[in-house]
Amino acid sequence: MKHAIAVLGSGNDASVLQALIKHFDDPEIDFFIHWDKKFNIPELKSRLSKIMFIPSIKVYWGTDTIVRAEKNLMEAIST
């Protein structure tokens, strides 16, 4: 059974996310990531898991943009 881990990320340091990917690196686990468009997309690596970045939008916390980003993540996972 395949599993998906959905991530809403932002900022210039993705070290915690890279540690999470390393911990869960498995061919049965894929990572779907929305990275806030206000920041550069980080370089992330895995040996076994697929890492997929979905198209970014600018997210302003506490607004409806976070819900749109979550919706885009769920749609990417379901296809």
N, C-alpha and C. Protein backbone atom coordinates (compact mmCIF):
# COMPACT_ATOMS: atom_id res chain seq x y z
N MET A 1 0.84 -1.17 0.00
CA MET A 1 0.00 0.00 0.00
C MET A 1 0.89 1.24 0.00
N LYS A 2 0.65 2.16 -0.93
CA LYS A 2 1.41 3.40 -1.00
C LYS A 2 0.88 4.39 0.02
N HIS A 3 1.80 5.20 0.53
CA HIS A 3 1.46 6.26 1.48
C HIS A 3 1.97 7.58 0.92
N ALA A 4 1.29 8.66 1.29
CA ALA A 4 1.71 10.00 0.88
C ALA A 4 1.88 10.87 2.10
N ILE A 5 2.95 11.63 2.11
CA ILE A 5 3.15 12.62 3.16
C ILE A 5 3.05 13.98 2.48
N ALA A 6 2.09 14.79 2.94
CA ALA A 6 1.85 16.12 2.38
C ALA A 6 2.52 17.16 3.26
N VAL A 7 3.23 18.09 2.63
CA VAL A 7 3.98 19.10 3.37
C VAL A 7 3.67 20.48 2.81
N LEU A 8 3.31 21.39 3.71
CA LEU A 8 3.25 22.81 3.37
C LEU A 8 4.51 23.42 3.97
N GLY A 9 5.40 23.91 3.12
CA GLY A 9 6.67 24.43 3.62
C GLY A 9 6.93 25.85 3.19
N SER A 10 7.80 26.50 3.94
CA SER A 10 8.23 27.86 3.60
C SER A 10 9.58 28.12 4.26
N GLY A 11 10.22 29.18 3.83
CA GLY A 11 11.48 29.57 4.44
C GLY A 11 12.67 29.16 3.61
N ASN A 12 13.83 29.46 4.15
CA ASN A 12 15.08 29.18 3.43
C ASN A 12 15.84 28.00 3.99
N ASP A 13 15.32 27.37 5.04
CA ASP A 13 16.02 26.24 5.64
C ASP A 13 15.07 25.04 5.67
N ALA A 14 15.39 24.02 4.93
CA ALA A 14 14.55 22.82 4.87
C ALA A 14 15.22 21.64 5.55
N SER A 15 16.10 21.90 6.50
CA SER A 15 16.85 20.81 7.15
C SER A 15 15.94 19.87 7.93
N VAL A 16 14.90 20.39 8.55
CA VAL A 16 13.98 19.52 9.29
C VAL A 16 13.22 18.64 8.32
N LEU A 17 12.79 19.20 7.20
CA LEU A 17 12.09 18.40 6.19
C LEU A 17 13.02 17.35 5.60
N GLN A 18 14.28 17.69 5.36
CA GLN A 18 15.23 16.70 4.83
C GLN A 18 15.43 15.57 5.84
N ALA A 19 15.47 15.88 7.13
CA ALA A 19 15.58 14.84 8.15
C ALA A 19 14.35 13.94 8.16
N LEU A 20 13.17 14.52 7.95
CA LEU A 20 11.93 13.74 7.89
C LEU A 20 11.96 12.80 6.68
N ILE A 21 12.39 13.32 5.54
CA ILE A 21 12.48 12.49 4.33
C ILE A 21 13.47 11.35 4.55
N LYS A 22 14.60 11.64 5.15
CA LYS A 22 15.59 10.60 5.41
C LYS A 22 15.04 9.52 6.34
N HIS A 23 14.28 9.94 7.34
CA HIS A 23 13.71 8.99 8.31
C HIS A 23 12.68 8.07 7.66
N PHE A 24 11.83 8.62 6.80
CA PHE A 24 10.74 7.85 6.20
C PHE A 24 11.04 7.37 4.78
N ASP A 25 12.27 7.46 4.34
CA ASP A 25 12.65 7.10 2.98
C ASP A 25 12.31 5.63 2.71
N ASP A 26 11.34 5.41 1.81
CA ASP A 26 10.85 4.07 1.52
C ASP A 26 10.16 4.11 0.16
N PRO A 27 10.25 3.05 -0.64
CA PRO A 27 9.59 3.08 -1.95
C PRO A 27 8.06 3.16 -1.86
N GLU A 28 7.52 2.85 -0.70
CA GLU A 28 6.07 2.91 -0.53
C GLU A 28 5.58 4.24 0.02
N ILE A 29 6.48 5.20 0.20
CA ILE A 29 6.12 6.51 0.75
C ILE A 29 6.57 7.59 -0.23
N ASP A 30 5.61 8.42 -0.67
CA ASP A 30 5.91 9.56 -1.54
C ASP A 30 5.67 10.86 -0.77
N PHE A 31 6.44 11.86 -1.11
CA PHE A 31 6.33 13.17 -0.48
C PHE A 31 5.77 14.16 -1.49
N PHE A 32 4.69 14.82 -1.15
CA PHE A 32 4.09 15.87 -1.96
C PHE A 32 4.29 17.18 -1.20
N ILE A 33 4.96 18.12 -1.86
CA ILE A 33 5.38 19.33 -1.15
C ILE A 33 4.90 20.57 -1.88
N HIS A 34 4.27 21.45 -1.12
CA HIS A 34 3.99 22.81 -1.60
C HIS A 34 4.94 23.71 -0.85
N TRP A 35 5.82 24.40 -1.59
CA TRP A 35 6.76 25.33 -0.97
C TRP A 35 6.32 26.73 -1.33
N ASP A 36 6.13 27.57 -0.31
CA ASP A 36 5.64 28.93 -0.49
C ASP A 36 6.42 29.64 -1.60
N LYS A 37 5.70 30.23 -2.52
CA LYS A 37 6.31 30.86 -3.70
C LYS A 37 7.22 32.04 -3.33
N LYS A 38 7.08 32.57 -2.12
CA LYS A 38 7.93 33.69 -1.69
C LYS A 38 9.36 33.25 -1.41
N PHE A 39 9.61 31.94 -1.40
CA PHE A 39 10.94 31.40 -1.08
C PHE A 39 11.41 30.47 -2.19
N ASN A 40 12.71 30.29 -2.29
CA ASN A 40 13.27 29.36 -3.26
C ASN A 40 12.96 27.92 -2.86
N ILE A 41 12.68 27.10 -3.86
CA ILE A 41 12.40 25.68 -3.60
C ILE A 41 13.71 25.00 -3.18
N PRO A 42 13.70 24.30 -2.05
CA PRO A 42 14.93 23.65 -1.58
C PRO A 42 15.28 22.40 -2.38
N GLU A 43 16.55 22.06 -2.33
CA GLU A 43 16.99 20.80 -2.92
C GLU A 43 16.87 19.72 -1.85
N LEU A 44 16.02 18.76 -2.12
CA LEU A 44 15.79 17.66 -1.18
C LEU A 44 16.15 16.36 -1.87
N LYS A 45 16.66 15.41 -1.10
CA LYS A 45 17.10 14.15 -1.68
C LYS A 45 16.53 12.97 -0.91
N SER A 46 16.25 11.93 -1.67
CA SER A 46 15.86 10.64 -1.07
C SER A 46 16.45 9.54 -1.93
N ARG A 47 16.60 8.39 -1.34
CA ARG A 47 17.10 7.24 -2.09
C ARG A 47 15.96 6.43 -2.68
N LEU A 48 14.86 6.31 -1.94
CA LEU A 48 13.79 5.40 -2.33
C LEU A 48 12.45 6.10 -2.58
N SER A 49 12.15 7.13 -1.84
CA SER A 49 10.87 7.83 -1.97
C SER A 49 10.89 8.79 -3.15
N LYS A 50 9.72 9.04 -3.70
CA LYS A 50 9.57 10.09 -4.71
C LYS A 50 9.27 11.39 -4.00
N ILE A 51 9.89 12.47 -4.46
CA ILE A 51 9.64 13.81 -3.92
C ILE A 51 9.05 14.63 -5.04
N MET A 52 7.82 15.10 -4.84
CA MET A 52 7.14 15.88 -5.87
C MET A 52 6.75 17.25 -5.33
N PHE A 53 7.19 18.28 -6.00
CA PHE A 53 6.78 19.64 -5.67
C PHE A 53 5.59 19.99 -6.56
N ILE A 54 4.53 20.49 -5.94
CA ILE A 54 3.39 20.95 -6.73
C ILE A 54 3.60 22.42 -7.05
N PRO A 55 2.88 22.95 -8.05
CA PRO A 55 3.03 24.37 -8.37
C PRO A 55 2.75 25.26 -7.15
N SER A 56 3.63 26.22 -6.94
CA SER A 56 3.56 27.06 -5.74
C SER A 56 2.66 28.27 -5.93
N ILE A 57 2.06 28.68 -4.82
CA ILE A 57 1.37 29.96 -4.73
C ILE A 57 1.94 30.69 -3.53
N LYS A 58 1.76 32.00 -3.50
CA LYS A 58 2.18 32.76 -2.32
C LYS A 58 1.18 32.50 -1.21
N VAL A 59 1.68 32.06 -0.07
CA VAL A 59 0.82 31.75 1.08
C VAL A 59 1.01 32.82 2.14
N TYR A 60 -0.12 33.37 2.57
CA TYR A 60 -0.12 34.35 3.66
C TYR A 60 -0.87 33.69 4.81
N TRP A 61 -0.14 33.34 5.86
CA TRP A 61 -0.68 32.59 6.97
C TRP A 61 -1.84 33.33 7.60
N GLY A 62 -2.89 32.57 7.91
CA GLY A 62 -4.09 33.14 8.50
C GLY A 62 -5.09 33.61 7.46
N THR A 63 -4.83 33.31 6.19
CA THR A 63 -5.76 33.70 5.12
C THR A 63 -6.21 32.45 4.37
N ASP A 64 -7.06 32.67 3.38
CA ASP A 64 -7.56 31.53 2.60
C ASP A 64 -6.50 30.91 1.69
N THR A 65 -5.36 31.56 1.53
CA THR A 65 -4.32 31.00 0.66
C THR A 65 -3.78 29.69 1.19
N ILE A 66 -3.76 29.53 2.49
CA ILE A 66 -3.28 28.26 3.06
C ILE A 66 -4.26 27.13 2.73
N VAL A 67 -5.54 27.44 2.71
CA VAL A 67 -6.54 26.43 2.36
C VAL A 67 -6.40 26.06 0.88
N ARG A 68 -6.12 27.05 0.03
CA ARG A 68 -5.91 26.76 -1.40
C ARG A 68 -4.68 25.88 -1.61
N ALA A 69 -3.61 26.16 -0.87
CA ALA A 69 -2.40 25.34 -0.99
C ALA A 69 -2.69 23.91 -0.52
N GLU A 70 -3.42 23.75 0.57
CA GLU A 70 -3.79 22.41 1.06
C GLU A 70 -4.66 21.68 0.03
N LYS A 71 -5.60 22.39 -0.56
CA LYS A 71 -6.47 21.79 -1.58
C LYS A 71 -5.64 21.34 -2.77
N ASN A 72 -4.70 22.16 -3.20
CA ASN A 72 -3.82 21.77 -4.31
C ASN A 72 -3.01 20.52 -3.98
N LEU A 73 -2.54 20.42 -2.73
CA LEU A 73 -1.82 19.23 -2.30
C LEU A 73 -2.70 17.99 -2.37
N MET A 74 -3.92 18.09 -1.85
CA MET A 74 -4.82 16.94 -1.84
C MET A 74 -5.16 16.52 -3.28
N GLU A 75 -5.35 17.49 -4.17
CA GLU A 75 -5.64 17.14 -5.56
C GLU A 75 -4.45 16.46 -6.22
N ALA A 76 -3.24 16.91 -5.92
CA ALA A 76 -2.04 16.29 -6.48
C ALA A 76 -1.88 14.86 -5.99
N ILE A 77 -2.20 14.62 -4.74
CA ILE A 77 -2.09 13.28 -4.17
C ILE A 77 -3.12 12.34 -4.79
N SER A 78 -4.30 12.85 -5.05
CA SER A 78 -5.39 11.97 -5.54
C SER A 78 -5.27 11.64 -7.02
N THR A 79 -4.36 12.30 -7.75
CA THR A 79 -4.23 11.98 -9.19
C THR A 79 -3.17 10.94 -9.43
